[in-house]
Amino acid sequence: MARVLVVEDDQFVRSALIRHLSDASHTVRSVGTALEALREVAHHCFDVVILDLGLPDLDGGEALKMLRGVTDVPVIVATARDDESEIVRLLNDGADDYLTKPFSVEHLSARMTAVLRRTRGSGEAPASRVLRVGGLAVDPLRRRAELDGTPLDLTRREFDLLAFLAGRPGVVVPRRELLAEVWQQSYGDDQTIDVHLSWLRRKLGETAANPRYLHTLRGVGVKLEPPR
């Protein structure tokens, strides 16, 4: 059971989502505007937010940025926009996942289950010790990471990806395995992985063209190893 906030201004869609989620034993609150959503997350604790982009008071993309400023609750974006650059922008702005309208309630349930599973701790690297790779130190138990003694400001997903790779230093991890273990998804596109790798590289002070820790082997996978 999860505590879900539905942010949707279409009353028909909103009612259908509330009914389906309630039937699945989730606790549901719902609002129709971005400002109401911000008030809700400021006063209540949620496990996941389902955010429509076509809100009447504020573009959903801007609402997403504002939500990320006050909470790290997982956000699944529901959008009728299928433009690739728009989806990349949403992921960059902090969306945990997205659904393109129209979508089935079964599809929504599967995405929610995956998001909740990984945010509640599944798929994290072993938590019994600090993982060290060169100047990197990753503590899965305390969810802290440092580079050369300086703390890294990582999002939840960035940390999960880094911790998973740090637990397998020097091993080339196939993208399919990353999707399964970090994102808890059996399918998906490489774009999501590429976006998060790009974020990590910036925070590690490197680029894809000049990698230090993160190395991508085209068509094979990704590995984390210390600089030579």
C-alpha atoms as a PDB file:
ATOM      1  CA  MET A   1       0.000   0.000   0.000  1.00  0.00           C
ATOM      2  CA  ALA A   2       1.294   3.457  -0.887  1.00  0.00           C
ATOM      3  CA  ARG A   3       0.347   7.054  -0.181  1.00  0.00           C
ATOM      4  CA  VAL A   4      -0.316   8.591  -3.584  1.00  0.00           C
ATOM      5  CA  LEU A   5      -0.906  12.181  -4.667  1.00  0.00           C
ATOM      6  CA  VAL A   6      -2.724  12.510  -7.990  1.00  0.00           C
ATOM      7  CA  VAL A   7      -2.258  15.895  -9.679  1.00  0.00           C
ATOM      8  CA  GLU A   8      -4.743  15.993 -12.543  1.00  0.00           C
ATOM      9  CA  ASP A   9      -7.201  18.691 -13.634  1.00  0.00           C
ATOM     10  CA  ASP A  10      -9.375  16.472 -15.865  1.00  0.00           C
ATOM     11  CA  GLN A  11     -12.126  15.360 -13.509  1.00  0.00           C
ATOM     12  CA  PHE A  12     -12.923  12.203 -15.486  1.00  0.00           C
ATOM     13  CA  VAL A  13      -9.302  11.028 -15.564  1.00  0.00           C
ATOM     14  CA  ARG A  14      -8.810  12.065 -11.963  1.00  0.00           C
ATOM     15  CA  SER A  15     -11.828  10.089 -10.759  1.00  0.00           C
ATOM     16  CA  ALA A  16     -10.746   7.017 -12.703  1.00  0.00           C
ATOM     17  CA  LEU A  17      -7.248   7.144 -11.203  1.00  0.00           C
ATOM     18  CA  ILE A  18      -8.578   7.631  -7.688  1.00  0.00           C
ATOM     19  CA  ARG A  19     -10.963   4.698  -8.092  1.00  0.00           C
ATOM     20  CA  HIS A  20      -8.316   2.376  -9.496  1.00  0.00           C
ATOM     21  CA  LEU A  21      -5.671   3.289  -6.904  1.00  0.00           C
ATOM     22  CA  SER A  22      -8.131   3.031  -4.034  1.00  0.00           C
ATOM     23  CA  ASP A  23      -9.283  -0.388  -5.270  1.00  0.00           C
ATOM     24  CA  ALA A  24      -5.617  -1.432  -5.154  1.00  0.00           C
ATOM     25  CA  SER A  25      -5.553  -0.471  -1.428  1.00  0.00           C
ATOM     26  CA  HIS A  26      -3.519   2.721  -1.891  1.00  0.00           C
ATOM     27  CA  THR A  27      -4.273   5.853   0.112  1.00  0.00           C
ATOM     28  CA  VAL A  28      -5.046   8.599  -2.384  1.00  0.00           C
ATOM     29  CA  ARG A  29      -5.254  12.372  -2.208  1.00  0.00           C
ATOM     30  CA  SER A  30      -5.898  14.423  -5.322  1.00  0.00           C
ATOM     31  CA  VAL A  31      -5.647  18.020  -6.512  1.00  0.00           C
ATOM     32  CA  GLY A  32      -6.223  19.805  -9.782  1.00  0.00           C
ATOM     33  CA  THR A  33      -3.547  22.512  -9.791  1.00  0.00           C
ATOM     34  CA  ALA A  34       0.197  22.828  -9.331  1.00  0.00           C
ATOM     35  CA  LEU A  35      -0.088  25.188  -6.372  1.00  0.00           C
ATOM     36  CA  GLU A  36      -2.395  22.774  -4.571  1.00  0.00           C
ATOM     37  CA  ALA A  37       0.131  20.009  -5.236  1.00  0.00           C
ATOM     38  CA  LEU A  38       2.899  22.067  -3.638  1.00  0.00           C
ATOM     39  CA  ARG A  39       0.746  22.673  -0.580  1.00  0.00           C
ATOM     40  CA  GLU A  40      -0.018  18.958  -0.332  1.00  0.00           C
ATOM     41  CA  VAL A  41       3.611  17.814  -0.397  1.00  0.00           C
ATOM     42  CA  ALA A  42       4.495  20.519   2.114  1.00  0.00           C
ATOM     43  CA  HIS A  43       1.943  19.241   4.632  1.00  0.00           C
ATOM     44  CA  HIS A  44       1.634  15.516   3.909  1.00  0.00           C
ATOM     45  CA  CYS A  45       4.004  12.620   3.330  1.00  0.00           C
ATOM     46  CA  PHE A  46       3.607  10.714   0.046  1.00  0.00           C
ATOM     47  CA  ASP A  47       5.287   7.689  -1.467  1.00  0.00           C
ATOM     48  CA  VAL A  48       4.683   8.765  -5.057  1.00  0.00           C
ATOM     49  CA  VAL A  49       3.181  11.655  -7.032  1.00  0.00           C
ATOM     50  CA  ILE A  50       1.415  11.179 -10.367  1.00  0.00           C
ATOM     51  CA  LEU A  51       1.775  14.532 -12.112  1.00  0.00           C
ATOM     52  CA  ASP A  52      -0.179  15.638 -15.170  1.00  0.00           C
ATOM     53  CA  LEU A  53       1.617  18.248 -17.270  1.00  0.00           C
ATOM     54  CA  GLY A  54      -1.448  20.043 -18.612  1.00  0.00           C
ATOM     55  CA  LEU A  55      -2.379  21.938 -15.464  1.00  0.00           C
ATOM     56  CA  PRO A  56      -4.468  25.124 -15.559  1.00  0.00           C
ATOM     57  CA  ASP A  57      -2.296  27.336 -13.347  1.00  0.00           C
ATOM     58  CA  LEU A  58       1.256  26.280 -14.158  1.00  0.00           C
ATOM     59  CA  ASP A  59       2.990  24.161 -16.757  1.00  0.00           C
ATOM     60  CA  GLY A  60       3.635  20.711 -15.339  1.00  0.00           C
ATOM     61  CA  GLY A  61       7.323  20.960 -16.207  1.00  0.00           C
ATOM     62  CA  GLU A  62       7.651  24.044 -14.025  1.00  0.00           C
ATOM     63  CA  ALA A  63       5.581  22.344 -11.334  1.00  0.00           C
ATOM     64  CA  LEU A  64       8.020  19.432 -11.418  1.00  0.00           C
ATOM     65  CA  LYS A  65      10.969  21.777 -10.811  1.00  0.00           C
ATOM     66  CA  MET A  66       9.146  23.379  -7.897  1.00  0.00           C
ATOM     67  CA  LEU A  67       8.287  19.990  -6.397  1.00  0.00           C
ATOM     68  CA  ARG A  68      11.917  18.976  -6.643  1.00  0.00           C
ATOM     69  CA  GLY A  69      12.801  22.106  -4.699  1.00  0.00           C
ATOM     70  CA  VAL A  70      10.825  20.977  -1.664  1.00  0.00           C
ATOM     71  CA  THR A  71      10.755  17.158  -1.772  1.00  0.00           C
ATOM     72  CA  ASP A  72      12.471  14.109  -3.224  1.00  0.00           C
ATOM     73  CA  VAL A  73       9.241  12.080  -3.396  1.00  0.00           C
ATOM     74  CA  PRO A  74       9.188   9.963  -6.588  1.00  0.00           C
ATOM     75  CA  VAL A  75       7.275  11.655  -9.415  1.00  0.00           C
ATOM     76  CA  ILE A  76       5.690   9.819 -12.350  1.00  0.00           C
ATOM     77  CA  VAL A  77       4.811  12.293 -15.072  1.00  0.00           C
ATOM     78  CA  ALA A  78       1.658  11.661 -17.093  1.00  0.00           C
ATOM     79  CA  THR A  79       1.844  13.508 -20.382  1.00  0.00           C
ATOM     80  CA  ALA A  80       0.278  13.604 -23.825  1.00  0.00           C
ATOM     81  CA  ARG A  81       3.591  14.954 -25.135  1.00  0.00           C
ATOM     82  CA  ASP A  82       5.704  12.311 -26.844  1.00  0.00           C
ATOM     83  CA  ASP A  83       8.486  14.529 -28.150  1.00  0.00           C
ATOM     84  CA  GLU A  84      11.852  12.972 -27.306  1.00  0.00           C
ATOM     85  CA  SER A  85      13.496  16.247 -26.292  1.00  0.00           C
ATOM     86  CA  GLU A  86      10.569  17.018 -23.982  1.00  0.00           C
ATOM     87  CA  ILE A  87      10.893  13.640 -22.273  1.00  0.00           C
ATOM     88  CA  VAL A  88      14.647  14.130 -21.811  1.00  0.00           C
ATOM     89  CA  ARG A  89      13.981  17.556 -20.307  1.00  0.00           C
ATOM     90  CA  LEU A  90      11.499  16.073 -17.830  1.00  0.00           C
ATOM     91  CA  LEU A  91      13.997  13.419 -16.761  1.00  0.00           C
ATOM     92  CA  ASN A  92      16.652  16.099 -16.388  1.00  0.00           C
ATOM     93  CA  ASP A  93      14.265  18.144 -14.256  1.00  0.00           C
ATOM     94  CA  GLY A  94      13.806  15.271 -11.815  1.00  0.00           C
ATOM     95  CA  ALA A  95      11.018  13.005 -13.067  1.00  0.00           C
ATOM     96  CA  ASP A  96      11.479   9.415 -11.906  1.00  0.00           C
ATOM     97  CA  ASP A  97       9.417   7.972 -14.734  1.00  0.00           C
ATOM     98  CA  TYR A  98       6.841   9.013 -17.294  1.00  0.00           C
ATOM     99  CA  LEU A  99       3.733   7.680 -19.012  1.00  0.00           C
ATOM    100  CA  THR A 100       2.445   8.872 -22.360  1.00  0.00           C
ATOM    101  CA  LYS A 101      -1.326   9.364 -22.526  1.00  0.00           C
ATOM    102  CA  PRO A 102      -3.471   7.474 -23.103  1.00  0.00           C
ATOM    103  CA  PHE A 103      -2.244   4.701 -20.821  1.00  0.00           C
ATOM    104  CA  SER A 104      -3.916   1.742 -19.165  1.00  0.00           C
ATOM    105  CA  VAL A 105      -4.340   1.393 -15.412  1.00  0.00           C
ATOM    106  CA  GLU A 106      -2.301  -1.814 -15.659  1.00  0.00           C
ATOM    107  CA  HIS A 107       0.595   0.137 -17.176  1.00  0.00           C
ATOM    108  CA  LEU A 108       0.354   2.744 -14.429  1.00  0.00           C
ATOM    109  CA  SER A 109       0.321   0.023 -11.766  1.00  0.00           C
ATOM    110  CA  ALA A 110       3.437  -1.598 -13.222  1.00  0.00           C
ATOM    111  CA  ARG A 111       5.336   1.705 -13.304  1.00  0.00           C
ATOM    112  CA  MET A 112       4.233   2.571  -9.747  1.00  0.00           C
ATOM    113  CA  THR A 113       5.306  -0.831  -8.479  1.00  0.00           C
ATOM    114  CA  ALA A 114       8.740  -0.438 -10.077  1.00  0.00           C
ATOM    115  CA  VAL A 115       9.248   3.072  -8.692  1.00  0.00           C
ATOM    116  CA  LEU A 116       8.134   2.102  -5.196  1.00  0.00           C
ATOM    117  CA  ARG A 117      10.251  -1.051  -5.197  1.00  0.00           C
ATOM    118  CA  ARG A 118      13.478   0.785  -5.973  1.00  0.00           C
ATOM    119  CA  THR A 119      12.779   3.761  -3.683  1.00  0.00           C
ATOM    120  CA  ARG A 120      12.032   1.411  -0.784  1.00  0.00           C
ATOM    121  CA  GLY A 121      15.450  -0.147  -1.053  1.00  0.00           C
ATOM    122  CA  SER A 122      15.351  -2.995  -3.580  1.00  0.00           C
ATOM    123  CA  GLY A 123      18.261  -3.243  -5.944  1.00  0.00           C
ATOM    124  CA  GLU A 124      20.673  -1.194  -3.866  1.00  0.00           C
ATOM    125  CA  ALA A 125      24.278  -2.274  -3.593  1.00  0.00           C
ATOM    126  CA  PRO A 126      25.258  -4.343  -0.529  1.00  0.00           C
ATOM    127  CA  ALA A 127      25.035  -2.104   2.541  1.00  0.00           C
ATOM    128  CA  SER A 128      27.524  -3.918   4.803  1.00  0.00           C
ATOM    129  CA  ARG A 129      30.569  -1.805   3.882  1.00  0.00           C
ATOM    130  CA  VAL A 130      31.787   1.372   2.255  1.00  0.00           C
ATOM    131  CA  LEU A 131      32.573   0.789  -1.412  1.00  0.00           C
ATOM    132  CA  ARG A 132      35.842   2.370  -2.547  1.00  0.00           C
ATOM    133  CA  VAL A 133      36.913   2.843  -6.148  1.00  0.00           C
ATOM    134  CA  GLY A 134      39.959   5.102  -6.450  1.00  0.00           C
ATOM    135  CA  GLY A 135      39.023   8.409  -4.823  1.00  0.00           C
ATOM    136  CA  LEU A 136      35.343   7.445  -4.702  1.00  0.00           C
ATOM    137  CA  ALA A 137      33.785   6.293  -1.424  1.00  0.00           C
ATOM    138  CA  VAL A 138      30.177   5.088  -1.527  1.00  0.00           C
ATOM    139  CA  ASP A 139      28.310   4.200   1.667  1.00  0.00           C
ATOM    140  CA  PRO A 140      25.091   2.369   0.687  1.00  0.00           C
ATOM    141  CA  LEU A 141      23.828   2.151   4.265  1.00  0.00           C
ATOM    142  CA  ARG A 142      23.986   5.894   4.894  1.00  0.00           C
ATOM    143  CA  ARG A 143      23.439   6.716   1.218  1.00  0.00           C
ATOM    144  CA  ARG A 144      26.476   8.983   1.097  1.00  0.00           C
ATOM    145  CA  ALA A 145      29.135   9.333  -1.561  1.00  0.00           C
ATOM    146  CA  GLU A 146      32.381  11.268  -1.610  1.00  0.00           C
ATOM    147  CA  LEU A 147      34.956  12.024  -4.263  1.00  0.00           C
ATOM    148  CA  ASP A 148      38.443  12.717  -2.911  1.00  0.00           C
ATOM    149  CA  GLY A 149      36.895  13.513   0.479  1.00  0.00           C
ATOM    150  CA  THR A 150      34.308  15.936  -0.910  1.00  0.00           C
ATOM    151  CA  PRO A 151      30.635  14.934  -0.502  1.00  0.00           C
ATOM    152  CA  LEU A 152      28.712  14.434  -3.739  1.00  0.00           C
ATOM    153  CA  ASP A 153      25.229  15.927  -4.015  1.00  0.00           C
ATOM    154  CA  LEU A 154      23.420  13.082  -5.770  1.00  0.00           C
ATOM    155  CA  THR A 155      19.768  12.457  -6.477  1.00  0.00           C
ATOM    156  CA  ARG A 156      18.315   9.169  -5.288  1.00  0.00           C
ATOM    157  CA  ARG A 157      18.591   7.573  -8.731  1.00  0.00           C
ATOM    158  CA  GLU A 158      22.097   8.877  -9.321  1.00  0.00           C
ATOM    159  CA  PHE A 159      23.169   7.358  -6.018  1.00  0.00           C
ATOM    160  CA  ASP A 160      21.535   4.006  -6.794  1.00  0.00           C
ATOM    161  CA  LEU A 161      23.302   3.859 -10.161  1.00  0.00           C
ATOM    162  CA  LEU A 162      26.680   4.834  -8.702  1.00  0.00           C
ATOM    163  CA  ALA A 163      26.356   2.382  -5.790  1.00  0.00           C
ATOM    164  CA  PHE A 164      25.393  -0.478  -8.088  1.00  0.00           C
ATOM    165  CA  LEU A 165      28.410   0.126 -10.342  1.00  0.00           C
ATOM    166  CA  ALA A 166      30.730   0.723  -7.374  1.00  0.00           C
ATOM    167  CA  GLY A 167      29.802  -2.726  -6.056  1.00  0.00           C
ATOM    168  CA  ARG A 168      31.181  -4.183  -9.310  1.00  0.00           C
ATOM    169  CA  PRO A 169      34.357  -2.175  -9.986  1.00  0.00           C
ATOM    170  CA  GLY A 170      35.938  -2.892 -13.344  1.00  0.00           C
ATOM    171  CA  VAL A 171      33.024  -5.074 -14.457  1.00  0.00           C
ATOM    172  CA  VAL A 172      31.188  -4.128 -17.637  1.00  0.00           C
ATOM    173  CA  VAL A 173      27.495  -4.097 -16.667  1.00  0.00           C
ATOM    174  CA  PRO A 174      25.065  -4.544 -19.582  1.00  0.00           C
ATOM    175  CA  ARG A 175      22.419  -1.852 -19.941  1.00  0.00           C
ATOM    176  CA  ARG A 176      19.706  -4.468 -19.613  1.00  0.00           C
ATOM    177  CA  GLU A 177      21.079  -5.402 -16.201  1.00  0.00           C
ATOM    178  CA  LEU A 178      21.134  -1.740 -15.130  1.00  0.00           C
ATOM    179  CA  LEU A 179      17.477  -1.388 -16.100  1.00  0.00           C
ATOM    180  CA  ALA A 180      16.585  -4.541 -14.178  1.00  0.00           C
ATOM    181  CA  GLU A 181      18.613  -3.875 -11.029  1.00  0.00           C
ATOM    182  CA  VAL A 182      18.641  -0.077 -10.681  1.00  0.00           C
ATOM    183  CA  TRP A 183      15.351   0.845 -12.366  1.00  0.00           C
ATOM    184  CA  GLN A 184      13.602  -2.454 -11.600  1.00  0.00           C
ATOM    185  CA  GLN A 185      12.319  -2.594 -15.168  1.00  0.00           C
ATOM    186  CA  SER A 186      12.514  -5.516 -17.567  1.00  0.00           C
ATOM    187  CA  TYR A 187      12.314  -3.207 -20.552  1.00  0.00           C
ATOM    188  CA  GLY A 188      12.957   0.415 -21.470  1.00  0.00           C
ATOM    189  CA  ASP A 189      15.108   2.593 -23.675  1.00  0.00           C
ATOM    190  CA  ASP A 190      18.757   3.522 -23.233  1.00  0.00           C
ATOM    191  CA  GLN A 191      17.922   7.219 -23.048  1.00  0.00           C
ATOM    192  CA  THR A 192      17.080   7.081 -19.353  1.00  0.00           C
ATOM    193  CA  ILE A 193      20.415   5.443 -18.552  1.00  0.00           C
ATOM    194  CA  ASP A 194      22.310   7.929 -20.737  1.00  0.00           C
ATOM    195  CA  VAL A 195      20.672  10.894 -18.999  1.00  0.00           C
ATOM    196  CA  HIS A 196      21.621   9.653 -15.532  1.00  0.00           C
ATOM    197  CA  LEU A 197      25.137   8.757 -16.638  1.00  0.00           C
ATOM    198  CA  SER A 198      25.492  12.290 -17.978  1.00  0.00           C
ATOM    199  CA  TRP A 199      24.397  13.740 -14.624  1.00  0.00           C
ATOM    200  CA  LEU A 200      26.850  11.503 -12.766  1.00  0.00           C
ATOM    201  CA  ARG A 201      29.715  12.406 -15.067  1.00  0.00           C
ATOM    202  CA  ARG A 202      29.191  16.112 -14.448  1.00  0.00           C
ATOM    203  CA  LYS A 203      29.266  15.574 -10.698  1.00  0.00           C
ATOM    204  CA  LEU A 204      32.379  13.423 -10.980  1.00  0.00           C
ATOM    205  CA  GLY A 205      34.090  16.147 -12.995  1.00  0.00           C
ATOM    206  CA  GLU A 206      34.319  14.206 -16.221  1.00  0.00           C
ATOM    207  CA  THR A 207      32.731  13.913 -19.659  1.00  0.00           C
ATOM    208  CA  ALA A 208      31.871  11.064 -21.982  1.00  0.00           C
ATOM    209  CA  ALA A 209      34.706  12.178 -24.255  1.00  0.00           C
ATOM    210  CA  ASN A 210      37.168  12.329 -21.367  1.00  0.00           C
ATOM    211  CA  PRO A 211      36.039   9.784 -18.740  1.00  0.00           C
ATOM    212  CA  ARG A 212      37.791   9.209 -15.438  1.00  0.00           C
ATOM    213  CA  TYR A 213      35.547   6.751 -13.588  1.00  0.00           C
ATOM    214  CA  LEU A 214      32.560   6.022 -15.828  1.00  0.00           C
ATOM    215  CA  HIS A 215      33.367   4.224 -19.046  1.00  0.00           C
ATOM    216  CA  THR A 216      30.770   3.338 -21.675  1.00  0.00           C
ATOM    217  CA  LEU A 217      31.470   0.509 -24.072  1.00  0.00           C
ATOM    218  CA  ARG A 218      29.252   1.112 -27.065  1.00  0.00           C
ATOM    219  CA  GLY A 219      26.809  -1.712 -27.605  1.00  0.00           C
ATOM    220  CA  VAL A 220      28.040  -3.569 -24.514  1.00  0.00           C
ATOM    221  CA  GLY A 221      27.498  -1.685 -21.260  1.00  0.00           C
ATOM    222  CA  VAL A 222      28.998   0.549 -18.572  1.00  0.00           C
ATOM    223  CA  LYS A 223      31.798   0.058 -16.051  1.00  0.00           C
ATOM    224  CA  LEU A 224      33.165   2.013 -13.123  1.00  0.00           C
ATOM    225  CA  GLU A 225      36.885   1.848 -12.472  1.00  0.00           C
ATOM    226  CA  PRO A 226      39.532   4.103 -10.890  1.00  0.00           C
ATOM    227  CA  PRO A 227      41.475   6.530 -13.060  1.00  0.00           C
ATOM    228  CA  ARG A 228      44.709   5.143 -14.437  1.00  0.00           C
END
